[in-house]
Amino acid sequence: MASSPHVLSTVEIFAGRVVPHGYYKIIHRDSWYGDSAFYLRILGFAVFFTFLRLVVARWVVKPLGKPLNLKASHYTKLEEAIMQVGFYTWGWSYNAAYLFKQDWFWHPM
């Protein structure tokens, strides 16, 4: 079977480390702290999703509030629901795309 090029997993991408295909190795480091790139990614996602929630609140939930006859306390619930649907849609799409790129997905045996 022809080997396909190694596709990086989410863990490898987020941690900034590439684990060779077929085995795992312990990476010895002098520090308990992870890569600075990892922390920058996490911080970036936190800032991005905070900004995205503000955008959803301002340009989606606020205009929908009056036509839907929402109480003030329901605005945050609608925000959270929209964010959750968006997050899960992105997550399932990302995972499906990752699977479709795998050779073993199309040729399991």
PDB file of N, CA and C in Angstrom:
ATOM      1  N   MET A   1       0.850  -1.187   0.000  1.00  0.00           N
ATOM      2  CA  MET A   1       0.000   0.000   0.000  1.00  0.00           C
ATOM      3  C   MET A   1       0.888   1.239   0.000  1.00  0.00           C
ATOM      4  N   ALA A   2       0.586   2.140  -0.873  1.00  0.00           N
ATOM      5  CA  ALA A   2       1.378   3.375  -0.933  1.00  0.00           C
ATOM      6  C   ALA A   2       1.115   4.206   0.313  1.00  0.00           C
ATOM      7  N   SER A   3       2.181   4.684   0.890  1.00  0.00           N
ATOM      8  CA  SER A   3       1.992   5.492   2.103  1.00  0.00           C
ATOM      9  C   SER A   3       1.675   6.925   1.710  1.00  0.00           C
ATOM     10  N   SER A   4       0.717   7.483   2.404  1.00  0.00           N
ATOM     11  CA  SER A   4       0.345   8.869   2.137  1.00  0.00           C
ATOM     12  C   SER A   4       1.203   9.783   3.002  1.00  0.00           C
ATOM     13  N   PRO A   5       1.370  11.025   2.574  1.00  0.00           N
ATOM     14  CA  PRO A   5       2.141  11.949   3.425  1.00  0.00           C
ATOM     15  C   PRO A   5       1.441  12.146   4.762  1.00  0.00           C
ATOM     16  N   HIS A   6       2.235  12.323   5.794  1.00  0.00           N
ATOM     17  CA  HIS A   6       1.672  12.452   7.140  1.00  0.00           C
ATOM     18  C   HIS A   6       0.891  13.756   7.266  1.00  0.00           C
ATOM     19  N   VAL A   7      -0.353  13.647   7.701  1.00  0.00           N
ATOM     20  CA  VAL A   7      -1.189  14.818   7.939  1.00  0.00           C
ATOM     21  C   VAL A   7      -1.129  15.122   9.427  1.00  0.00           C
ATOM     22  N   LEU A   8      -0.841  16.357   9.765  1.00  0.00           N
ATOM     23  CA  LEU A   8      -0.694  16.726  11.167  1.00  0.00           C
ATOM     24  C   LEU A   8      -2.033  16.654  11.891  1.00  0.00           C
ATOM     25  N   SER A   9      -2.006  16.123  13.098  1.00  0.00           N
ATOM     26  CA  SER A   9      -3.214  16.072  13.906  1.00  0.00           C
ATOM     27  C   SER A   9      -3.408  17.408  14.612  1.00  0.00           C
ATOM     28  N   THR A  10      -4.592  17.586  15.178  1.00  0.00           N
ATOM     29  CA  THR A  10      -4.891  18.822  15.896  1.00  0.00           C
ATOM     30  C   THR A  10      -3.925  19.026  17.049  1.00  0.00           C
ATOM     31  N   VAL A  11      -3.610  17.939  17.765  1.00  0.00           N
ATOM     32  CA  VAL A  11      -2.705  18.050  18.910  1.00  0.00           C
ATOM     33  C   VAL A  11      -1.333  18.514  18.457  1.00  0.00           C
ATOM     34  N   GLU A  12      -0.847  17.934  17.366  1.00  0.00           N
ATOM     35  CA  GLU A  12       0.466  18.320  16.852  1.00  0.00           C
ATOM     36  C   GLU A  12       0.480  19.777  16.409  1.00  0.00           C
ATOM     37  N   ILE A  13      -0.591  20.195  15.754  1.00  0.00           N
ATOM     38  CA  ILE A  13      -0.660  21.569  15.269  1.00  0.00           C
ATOM     39  C   ILE A  13      -0.698  22.541  16.443  1.00  0.00           C
ATOM     40  N   PHE A  14      -1.563  22.265  17.430  1.00  0.00           N
ATOM     41  CA  PHE A  14      -1.698  23.183  18.550  1.00  0.00           C
ATOM     42  C   PHE A  14      -0.454  23.211  19.419  1.00  0.00           C
ATOM     43  N   ALA A  15       0.187  22.069  19.594  1.00  0.00           N
ATOM     44  CA  ALA A  15       1.360  22.020  20.461  1.00  0.00           C
ATOM     45  C   ALA A  15       2.601  22.519  19.739  1.00  0.00           C
ATOM     46  N   GLY A  16       2.539  22.635  18.421  1.00  0.00           N
ATOM     47  CA  GLY A  16       3.696  23.095  17.677  1.00  0.00           C
ATOM     48  C   GLY A  16       4.762  22.028  17.547  1.00  0.00           C
ATOM     49  N   ARG A  17       4.403  20.769  17.760  1.00  0.00           N
ATOM     50  CA  ARG A  17       5.370  19.679  17.662  1.00  0.00           C
ATOM     51  C   ARG A  17       4.867  18.665  16.642  1.00  0.00           C
ATOM     52  N   VAL A  18       5.773  18.060  15.931  1.00  0.00           N
ATOM     53  CA  VAL A  18       5.397  17.035  14.967  1.00  0.00           C
ATOM     54  C   VAL A  18       5.896  15.695  15.477  1.00  0.00           C
ATOM     55  N   VAL A  19       4.975  14.761  15.699  1.00  0.00           N
ATOM     56  CA  VAL A  19       5.333  13.421  16.150  1.00  0.00           C
ATOM     57  C   VAL A  19       5.406  12.541  14.904  1.00  0.00           C
ATOM     58  N   PRO A  20       6.529  11.874  14.656  1.00  0.00           N
ATOM     59  CA  PRO A  20       6.649  11.044  13.447  1.00  0.00           C
ATOM     60  C   PRO A  20       5.563   9.981  13.389  1.00  0.00           C
ATOM     61  N   HIS A  21       5.102   9.677  12.182  1.00  0.00           N
ATOM     62  CA  HIS A  21       4.009   8.731  11.981  1.00  0.00           C
ATOM     63  C   HIS A  21       4.434   7.328  12.398  1.00  0.00           C
ATOM     64  N   GLY A  22       3.579   6.639  13.143  1.00  0.00           N
ATOM     65  CA  GLY A  22       3.830   5.252  13.475  1.00  0.00           C
ATOM     66  C   GLY A  22       4.335   5.019  14.875  1.00  0.00           C
ATOM     67  N   TYR A  23       4.866   6.012  15.523  1.00  0.00           N
ATOM     68  CA  TYR A  23       5.309   5.842  16.902  1.00  0.00           C
ATOM     69  C   TYR A  23       5.298   7.189  17.610  1.00  0.00           C
ATOM     70  N   TYR A  24       5.319   7.121  18.913  1.00  0.00           N
ATOM     71  CA  TYR A  24       5.351   8.330  19.708  1.00  0.00           C
ATOM     72  C   TYR A  24       6.680   8.387  20.441  1.00  0.00           C
ATOM     73  N   LYS A  25       7.206   9.545  20.595  1.00  0.00           N
ATOM     74  CA  LYS A  25       8.437   9.666  21.362  1.00  0.00           C
ATOM     75  C   LYS A  25       8.243  10.741  22.419  1.00  0.00           C
ATOM     76  N   ILE A  26       8.907  10.576  23.529  1.00  0.00           N
ATOM     77  CA  ILE A  26       8.847  11.570  24.587  1.00  0.00           C
ATOM     78  C   ILE A  26       9.876  12.642  24.262  1.00  0.00           C
ATOM     79  N   ILE A  27       9.412  13.853  24.189  1.00  0.00           N
ATOM     80  CA  ILE A  27      10.323  14.955  23.895  1.00  0.00           C
ATOM     81  C   ILE A  27      10.810  15.510  25.221  1.00  0.00           C
ATOM     82  N   HIS A  28      12.081  15.340  25.476  1.00  0.00           N
ATOM     83  CA  HIS A  28      12.628  15.841  26.736  1.00  0.00           C
ATOM     84  C   HIS A  28      12.876  17.336  26.618  1.00  0.00           C
ATOM     85  N   ARG A  29      12.379  18.063  27.593  1.00  0.00           N
ATOM     86  CA  ARG A  29      12.594  19.507  27.605  1.00  0.00           C
ATOM     87  C   ARG A  29      13.110  19.883  28.983  1.00  0.00           C
ATOM     88  N   ASP A  30      13.865  20.947  29.016  1.00  0.00           N
ATOM     89  CA  ASP A  30      14.412  21.406  30.289  1.00  0.00           C
ATOM     90  C   ASP A  30      13.362  22.117  31.129  1.00  0.00           C
ATOM     91  N   SER A  31      12.243  22.438  30.520  1.00  0.00           N
ATOM     92  CA  SER A  31      11.224  23.212  31.209  1.00  0.00           C
ATOM     93  C   SER A  31       9.892  22.467  31.158  1.00  0.00           C
ATOM     94  N   TRP A  32       9.047  22.705  32.161  1.00  0.00           N
ATOM     95  CA  TRP A  32       7.708  22.137  32.161  1.00  0.00           C
ATOM     96  C   TRP A  32       6.781  22.923  31.244  1.00  0.00           C
ATOM     97  N   TYR A  33       7.176  24.131  30.878  1.00  0.00           N
ATOM     98  CA  TYR A  33       6.314  24.991  30.079  1.00  0.00           C
ATOM     99  C   TYR A  33       6.339  24.566  28.614  1.00  0.00           C
ATOM    100  N   GLY A  34       5.204  24.716  27.932  1.00  0.00           N
ATOM    101  CA  GLY A  34       5.106  24.347  26.523  1.00  0.00           C
ATOM    102  C   GLY A  34       5.726  25.393  25.623  1.00  0.00           C
ATOM    103  N   ASP A  35       5.563  25.179  24.354  1.00  0.00           N
ATOM    104  CA  ASP A  35       6.092  26.125  23.372  1.00  0.00           C
ATOM    105  C   ASP A  35       5.348  27.446  23.479  1.00  0.00           C
ATOM    106  N   SER A  36       6.065  28.529  23.242  1.00  0.00           N
ATOM    107  CA  SER A  36       5.410  29.837  23.285  1.00  0.00           C
ATOM    108  C   SER A  36       4.376  29.952  22.170  1.00  0.00           C
ATOM    109  N   ALA A  37       4.598  29.277  21.038  1.00  0.00           N
ATOM    110  CA  ALA A  37       3.636  29.319  19.934  1.00  0.00           C
ATOM    111  C   ALA A  37       2.294  28.724  20.362  1.00  0.00           C
ATOM    112  N   PHE A  38       2.348  27.699  21.207  1.00  0.00           N
ATOM    113  CA  PHE A  38       1.120  27.080  21.714  1.00  0.00           C
ATOM    114  C   PHE A  38       0.309  28.096  22.516  1.00  0.00           C
ATOM    115  N   TYR A  39       0.981  28.812  23.412  1.00  0.00           N
ATOM    116  CA  TYR A  39       0.283  29.804  24.232  1.00  0.00           C
ATOM    117  C   TYR A  39      -0.246  30.950  23.381  1.00  0.00           C
ATOM    118  N   LEU A  40       0.494  31.334  22.366  1.00  0.00           N
ATOM    119  CA  LEU A  40       0.023  32.393  21.476  1.00  0.00           C
ATOM    120  C   LEU A  40      -1.224  31.952  20.709  1.00  0.00           C
ATOM    121  N   ARG A  41      -1.258  30.694  20.296  1.00  0.00           N
ATOM    122  CA  ARG A  41      -2.453  30.197  19.604  1.00  0.00           C
ATOM    123  C   ARG A  41      -3.665  30.216  20.529  1.00  0.00           C
ATOM    124  N   ILE A  42      -3.493  29.744  21.745  1.00  0.00           N
ATOM    125  CA  ILE A  42      -4.603  29.712  22.699  1.00  0.00           C
ATOM    126  C   ILE A  42      -5.091  31.126  22.991  1.00  0.00           C
ATOM    127  N   LEU A  43      -4.164  32.036  23.223  1.00  0.00           N
ATOM    128  CA  LEU A  43      -4.519  33.434  23.471  1.00  0.00           C
ATOM    129  C   LEU A  43      -5.223  34.032  22.252  1.00  0.00           C
ATOM    130  N   GLY A  44      -4.721  33.710  21.072  1.00  0.00           N
ATOM    131  CA  GLY A  44      -5.338  34.202  19.839  1.00  0.00           C
ATOM    132  C   GLY A  44      -6.764  33.712  19.679  1.00  0.00           C
ATOM    133  N   PHE A  45      -6.991  32.423  19.972  1.00  0.00           N
ATOM    134  CA  PHE A  45      -8.349  31.886  19.884  1.00  0.00           C
ATOM    135  C   PHE A  45      -9.268  32.541  20.911  1.00  0.00           C
ATOM    136  N   ALA A  46      -8.769  32.792  22.109  1.00  0.00           N
ATOM    137  CA  ALA A  46      -9.583  33.442  23.143  1.00  0.00           C
ATOM    138  C   ALA A  46      -9.994  34.839  22.692  1.00  0.00           C
ATOM    139  N   VAL A  47      -9.048  35.587  22.153  1.00  0.00           N
ATOM    140  CA  VAL A  47      -9.344  36.946  21.670  1.00  0.00           C
ATOM    141  C   VAL A  47     -10.311  36.879  20.489  1.00  0.00           C
ATOM    142  N   PHE A  48     -10.050  35.953  19.561  1.00  0.00           N
ATOM    143  CA  PHE A  48     -10.899  35.824  18.375  1.00  0.00           C
ATOM    144  C   PHE A  48     -12.345  35.500  18.749  1.00  0.00           C
ATOM    145  N   PHE A  49     -12.540  34.513  19.653  1.00  0.00           N
ATOM    146  CA  PHE A  49     -13.900  34.124  20.001  1.00  0.00           C
ATOM    147  C   PHE A  49     -14.603  35.174  20.859  1.00  0.00           C
ATOM    148  N   THR A  50     -13.846  35.938  21.638  1.00  0.00           N
ATOM    149  CA  THR A  50     -14.445  37.059  22.371  1.00  0.00           C
ATOM    150  C   THR A  50     -14.941  38.105  21.380  1.00  0.00           C
ATOM    151  N   PHE A  51     -14.100  38.422  20.397  1.00  0.00           N
ATOM    152  CA  PHE A  51     -14.478  39.386  19.363  1.00  0.00           C
ATOM    153  C   PHE A  51     -15.675  38.866  18.562  1.00  0.00           C
ATOM    154  N   LEU A  52     -15.648  37.577  18.224  1.00  0.00           N
ATOM    155  CA  LEU A  52     -16.746  36.988  17.456  1.00  0.00           C
ATOM    156  C   LEU A  52     -18.060  37.063  18.232  1.00  0.00           C
ATOM    157  N   ARG A  53     -17.998  36.825  19.535  1.00  0.00           N
ATOM    158  CA  ARG A  53     -19.225  36.895  20.337  1.00  0.00           C
ATOM    159  C   ARG A  53     -19.757  38.330  20.391  1.00  0.00           C
ATOM    160  N   LEU A  54     -18.858  39.304  20.485  1.00  0.00           N
ATOM    161  CA  LEU A  54     -19.291  40.704  20.458  1.00  0.00           C
ATOM    162  C   LEU A  54     -19.948  41.049  19.121  1.00  0.00           C
ATOM    163  N   VAL A  55     -19.388  40.535  18.037  1.00  0.00           N
ATOM    164  CA  VAL A  55     -19.964  40.767  16.705  1.00  0.00           C
ATOM    165  C   VAL A  55     -21.346  40.122  16.614  1.00  0.00           C
ATOM    166  N   VAL A  56     -21.466  38.896  17.103  1.00  0.00           N
ATOM    167  CA  VAL A  56     -22.764  38.201  17.091  1.00  0.00           C
ATOM    168  C   VAL A  56     -23.784  38.975  17.921  1.00  0.00           C
ATOM    169  N   ALA A  57     -23.362  39.464  19.081  1.00  0.00           N
ATOM    170  CA  ALA A  57     -24.279  40.220  19.947  1.00  0.00           C
ATOM    171  C   ALA A  57     -24.740  41.508  19.273  1.00  0.00           C
ATOM    172  N   ARG A  58     -23.806  42.205  18.637  1.00  0.00           N
ATOM    173  CA  ARG A  58     -24.120  43.526  18.075  1.00  0.00           C
ATOM    174  C   ARG A  58     -24.898  43.440  16.762  1.00  0.00           C
ATOM    175  N   TRP A  59     -24.451  42.573  15.839  1.00  0.00           N
ATOM    176  CA  TRP A  59     -25.022  42.579  14.498  1.00  0.00           C
ATOM    177  C   TRP A  59     -25.980  41.432  14.200  1.00  0.00           C
ATOM    178  N   VAL A  60     -26.145  40.502  15.129  1.00  0.00           N
ATOM    179  CA  VAL A  60     -27.087  39.401  14.897  1.00  0.00           C
ATOM    180  C   VAL A  60     -28.185  39.394  15.958  1.00  0.00           C
ATOM    181  N   VAL A  61     -27.798  39.329  17.228  1.00  0.00           N
ATOM    182  CA  VAL A  61     -28.787  39.175  18.301  1.00  0.00           C
ATOM    183  C   VAL A  61     -29.585  40.459  18.518  1.00  0.00           C
ATOM    184  N   LYS A  62     -28.903  41.585  18.557  1.00  0.00           N
ATOM    185  CA  LYS A  62     -29.603  42.852  18.822  1.00  0.00           C
ATOM    186  C   LYS A  62     -30.674  43.151  17.760  1.00  0.00           C
ATOM    187  N   PRO A  63     -30.359  43.023  16.456  1.00  0.00           N
ATOM    188  CA  PRO A  63     -31.418  43.253  15.459  1.00  0.00           C
ATOM    189  C   PRO A  63     -32.552  42.219  15.510  1.00  0.00           C
ATOM    190  N   LEU A  64     -32.247  40.996  15.966  1.00  0.00           N
ATOM    191  CA  LEU A  64     -33.285  39.958  16.033  1.00  0.00           C
ATOM    192  C   LEU A  64     -34.161  40.068  17.278  1.00  0.00           C
ATOM    193  N   GLY A  65     -33.687  40.784  18.286  1.00  0.00           N
ATOM    194  CA  GLY A  65     -34.391  40.850  19.560  1.00  0.00           C
ATOM    195  C   GLY A  65     -35.808  41.368  19.462  1.00  0.00           C
ATOM    196  N   LYS A  66     -35.983  42.458  18.745  1.00  0.00           N
ATOM    197  CA  LYS A  66     -37.314  43.066  18.650  1.00  0.00           C
ATOM    198  C   LYS A  66     -38.287  42.212  17.819  1.00  0.00           C
ATOM    199  N   PRO A  67     -37.876  41.768  16.611  1.00  0.00           N
ATOM    200  CA  PRO A  67     -38.816  40.936  15.838  1.00  0.00           C
ATOM    201  C   PRO A  67     -39.184  39.622  16.534  1.00  0.00           C
ATOM    202  N   LEU A  68     -38.253  39.066  17.310  1.00  0.00           N
ATOM    203  CA  LEU A  68     -38.537  37.814  18.020  1.00  0.00           C
ATOM    204  C   LEU A  68     -39.219  38.050  19.361  1.00  0.00           C
ATOM    205  N   ASN A  69     -39.389  39.327  19.728  1.00  0.00           N
ATOM    206  CA  ASN A  69     -40.042  39.699  20.978  1.00  0.00           C
ATOM    207  C   ASN A  69     -39.333  39.074  22.187  1.00  0.00           C
ATOM    208  N   LEU A  70     -38.002  39.227  22.225  1.00  0.00           N
ATOM    209  CA  LEU A  70     -37.197  38.635  23.298  1.00  0.00           C
ATOM    210  C   LEU A  70     -37.173  39.512  24.536  1.00  0.00           C
ATOM    211  N   LYS A  71     -37.158  38.860  25.697  1.00  0.00           N
ATOM    212  CA  LYS A  71     -36.908  39.587  26.941  1.00  0.00           C
ATOM    213  C   LYS A  71     -35.419  39.899  26.998  1.00  0.00           C
ATOM    214  N   ALA A  72     -35.059  40.857  27.818  1.00  0.00           N
ATOM    215  CA  ALA A  72     -33.648  41.239  27.942  1.00  0.00           C
ATOM    216  C   ALA A  72     -32.783  40.073  28.418  1.00  0.00           C
ATOM    217  N   SER A  73     -33.338  39.229  29.281  1.00  0.00           N
ATOM    218  CA  SER A  73     -32.556  38.111  29.823  1.00  0.00           C
ATOM    219  C   SER A  73     -32.298  37.013  28.784  1.00  0.00           C
ATOM    220  N   HIS A  74     -33.059  37.025  27.681  1.00  0.00           N
ATOM    221  CA  HIS A  74     -32.906  35.976  26.673  1.00  0.00           C
ATOM    222  C   HIS A  74     -31.877  36.327  25.604  1.00  0.00           C
ATOM    223  N   TYR A  75     -31.401  37.564  25.608  1.00  0.00           N
ATOM    224  CA  TYR A  75     -30.414  37.965  24.606  1.00  0.00           C
ATOM    225  C   TYR A  75     -29.136  37.136  24.732  1.00  0.00           C
ATOM    226  N   THR A  76     -28.652  36.957  25.969  1.00  0.00           N
ATOM    227  CA  THR A  76     -27.411  36.197  26.153  1.00  0.00           C
ATOM    228  C   THR A  76     -27.612  34.721  25.809  1.00  0.00           C
ATOM    229  N   LYS A  77     -28.814  34.198  26.059  1.00  0.00           N
ATOM    230  CA  LYS A  77     -29.081  32.800  25.708  1.00  0.00           C
ATOM    231  C   LYS A  77     -29.032  32.609  24.193  1.00  0.00           C
ATOM    232  N   LEU A  78     -29.577  33.563  23.458  1.00  0.00           N
ATOM    233  CA  LEU A  78     -29.535  33.487  21.995  1.00  0.00           C
ATOM    234  C   LEU A  78     -28.094  33.607  21.497  1.00  0.00           C
ATOM    235  N   GLU A  79     -27.323  34.513  22.108  1.00  0.00           N
ATOM    236  CA  GLU A  79     -25.891  34.639  21.768  1.00  0.00           C
ATOM    237  C   GLU A  79     -25.186  33.306  21.946  1.00  0.00           C
ATOM    238  N   GLU A  80     -25.377  32.698  23.114  1.00  0.00           N
ATOM    239  CA  GLU A  80     -24.707  31.431  23.423  1.00  0.00           C
ATOM    240  C   GLU A  80     -25.141  30.330  22.461  1.00  0.00           C
ATOM    241  N   ALA A  81     -26.417  30.295  22.121  1.00  0.00           N
ATOM    242  CA  ALA A  81     -26.912  29.270  21.202  1.00  0.00           C
ATOM    243  C   ALA A  81     -26.281  29.429  19.819  1.00  0.00           C
ATOM    244  N   ILE A  82     -26.203  30.662  19.344  1.00  0.00           N
ATOM    245  CA  ILE A  82     -25.595  30.917  18.030  1.00  0.00           C
ATOM    246  C   ILE A  82     -24.120  30.533  18.041  1.00  0.00           C
ATOM    247  N   MET A  83     -23.410  30.911  19.110  1.00  0.00           N
ATOM    248  CA  MET A  83     -21.988  30.573  19.213  1.00  0.00           C
ATOM    249  C   MET A  83     -21.796  29.059  19.269  1.00  0.00           C
ATOM    250  N   GLN A  84     -22.664  28.375  19.989  1.00  0.00           N
ATOM    251  CA  GLN A  84     -22.543  26.924  20.125  1.00  0.00           C
ATOM    252  C   GLN A  84     -22.791  26.221  18.791  1.00  0.00           C
ATOM    253  N   VAL A  85     -23.818  26.649  18.077  1.00  0.00           N
ATOM    254  CA  VAL A  85     -24.102  26.064  16.762  1.00  0.00           C
ATOM    255  C   VAL A  85     -22.921  26.307  15.822  1.00  0.00           C
ATOM    256  N   GLY A  86     -22.382  27.517  15.846  1.00  0.00           N
ATOM    257  CA  GLY A  86     -21.220  27.827  15.005  1.00  0.00           C
ATOM    258  C   GLY A  86     -20.009  26.992  15.358  1.00  0.00           C
ATOM    259  N   PHE A  87     -19.761  26.846  16.656  1.00  0.00           N
ATOM    260  CA  PHE A  87     -18.595  26.088  17.105  1.00  0.00           C
ATOM    261  C   PHE A  87     -18.707  24.617  16.714  1.00  0.00           C
ATOM    262  N   TYR A  88     -19.876  24.020  16.958  1.00  0.00           N
ATOM    263  CA  TYR A  88     -20.034  22.604  16.629  1.00  0.00           C
ATOM    264  C   TYR A  88     -20.029  22.373  15.122  1.00  0.00           C
ATOM    265  N   THR A  89     -20.591  23.299  14.355  1.00  0.00           N
ATOM    266  CA  THR A  89     -20.544  23.183  12.894  1.00  0.00           C
ATOM    267  C   THR A  89     -19.098  23.212  12.419  1.00  0.00           C
ATOM    268  N   TRP A  90     -18.324  24.160  12.956  1.00  0.00           N
ATOM    269  CA  TRP A  90     -16.905  24.239  12.597  1.00  0.00           C
ATOM    270  C   TRP A  90     -16.170  22.968  13.025  1.00  0.00           C
ATOM    271  N   GLY A  91     -16.430  22.496  14.237  1.00  0.00           N
ATOM    272  CA  GLY A  91     -15.748  21.315  14.752  1.00  0.00           C
ATOM    273  C   GLY A  91     -16.013  20.067  13.925  1.00  0.00           C
ATOM    274  N   TRP A  92     -17.279  19.808  13.611  1.00  0.00           N
ATOM    275  CA  TRP A  92     -17.610  18.628  12.809  1.00  0.00           C
ATOM    276  C   TRP A  92     -17.036  18.748  11.405  1.00  0.00           C
ATOM    277  N   SER A  93     -17.071  19.943  10.838  1.00  0.00           N
ATOM    278  CA  SER A  93     -16.515  20.143   9.492  1.00  0.00           C
ATOM    279  C   SER A  93     -15.011  19.923   9.486  1.00  0.00           C
ATOM    280  N   TYR A  94     -14.336  20.450  10.505  1.00  0.00           N
ATOM    281  CA  TYR A  94     -12.885  20.301  10.615  1.00  0.00           C
ATOM    282  C   TYR A  94     -12.509  18.827  10.756  1.00  0.00           C
ATOM    283  N   ASN A  95     -13.233  18.111  11.622  1.00  0.00           N
ATOM    284  CA  ASN A  95     -12.940  16.694  11.823  1.00  0.00           C
ATOM    285  C   ASN A  95     -13.249  15.865  10.576  1.00  0.00           C
ATOM    286  N   ALA A  96     -14.337  16.201   9.885  1.00  0.00           N
ATOM    287  CA  ALA A  96     -14.673  15.482   8.653  1.00  0.00           C
ATOM    288  C   ALA A  96     -13.604  15.727   7.590  1.00  0.00           C
ATOM    289  N   ALA A  97     -13.154  16.969   7.469  1.00  0.00           N
ATOM    290  CA  ALA A  97     -12.109  17.289   6.494  1.00  0.00           C
ATOM    291  C   ALA A  97     -10.818  16.547   6.830  1.00  0.00           C
ATOM    292  N   TYR A  98     -10.517  16.441   8.112  1.00  0.00           N
ATOM    293  CA  TYR A  98      -9.319  15.709   8.540  1.00  0.00           C
ATOM    294  C   TYR A  98      -9.439  14.230   8.160  1.00  0.00           C
ATOM    295  N   LEU A  99     -10.622  13.644   8.383  1.00  0.00           N
ATOM    296  CA  LEU A  99     -10.829  12.238   8.026  1.00  0.00           C
ATOM    297  C   LEU A  99     -10.711  12.020   6.524  1.00  0.00           C
ATOM    298  N   PHE A 100     -11.313  12.916   5.746  1.00  0.00           N
ATOM    299  CA  PHE A 100     -11.312  12.748   4.292  1.00  0.00           C
ATOM    300  C   PHE A 100      -9.904  12.814   3.708  1.00  0.00           C
ATOM    301  N   LYS A 101      -8.993  13.486   4.402  1.00  0.00           N
ATOM    302  CA  LYS A 101      -7.614  13.579   3.918  1.00  0.00           C
ATOM    303  C   LYS A 101      -6.808  12.317   4.211  1.00  0.00           C
ATOM    304  N   GLN A 102      -7.331  11.441   5.073  1.00  0.00           N
ATOM    305  CA  GLN A 102      -6.565  10.267   5.486  1.00  0.00           C
ATOM    306  C   GLN A 102      -6.693   9.136   4.469  1.00  0.00           C
ATOM    307  N   ASP A 103      -5.563   8.528   4.170  1.00  0.00           N
ATOM    308  CA  ASP A 103      -5.544   7.411   3.236  1.00  0.00           C
ATOM    309  C   ASP A 103      -6.338   6.224   3.786  1.00  0.00           C
ATOM    310  N   TRP A 104      -6.195   5.952   5.102  1.00  0.00           N
ATOM    311  CA  TRP A 104      -6.872   4.806   5.694  1.00  0.00           C
ATOM    312  C   TRP A 104      -8.388   4.977   5.726  1.00  0.00           C
ATOM    313  N   PHE A 105      -8.873   6.210   5.619  1.00  0.00           N
ATOM    314  CA  PHE A 105     -10.318   6.432   5.600  1.00  0.00           C
ATOM    315  C   PHE A 105     -10.926   5.866   4.313  1.00  0.00           C
ATOM    316  N   TRP A 106     -10.226   6.039   3.201  1.00  0.00           N
ATOM    317  CA  TRP A 106     -10.714   5.577   1.905  1.00  0.00           C
ATOM    318  C   TRP A 106     -10.309   4.134   1.618  1.00  0.00           C
ATOM    319  N   HIS A 107      -9.179   3.686   2.191  1.00  0.00           N
ATOM    320  CA  HIS A 107      -8.686   2.318   1.971  1.00  0.00           C
ATOM    321  C   HIS A 107      -8.381   1.692   3.328  1.00  0.00           C
ATOM    322  N   PRO A 108      -9.413   1.224   4.042  1.00  0.00           N
ATOM    323  CA  PRO A 108      -9.201   0.773   5.426  1.00  0.00           C
ATOM    324  C   PRO A 108      -8.354  -0.487   5.574  1.00  0.00           C
ATOM    325  N   MET A 109      -8.316  -1.347   4.589  1.00  0.00           N
ATOM    326  CA  MET A 109      -7.551  -2.599   4.731  1.00  0.00           C
ATOM    327  C   MET A 109      -6.402  -2.646   3.753  1.00  0.00           C
TER     328      MET A 109
END
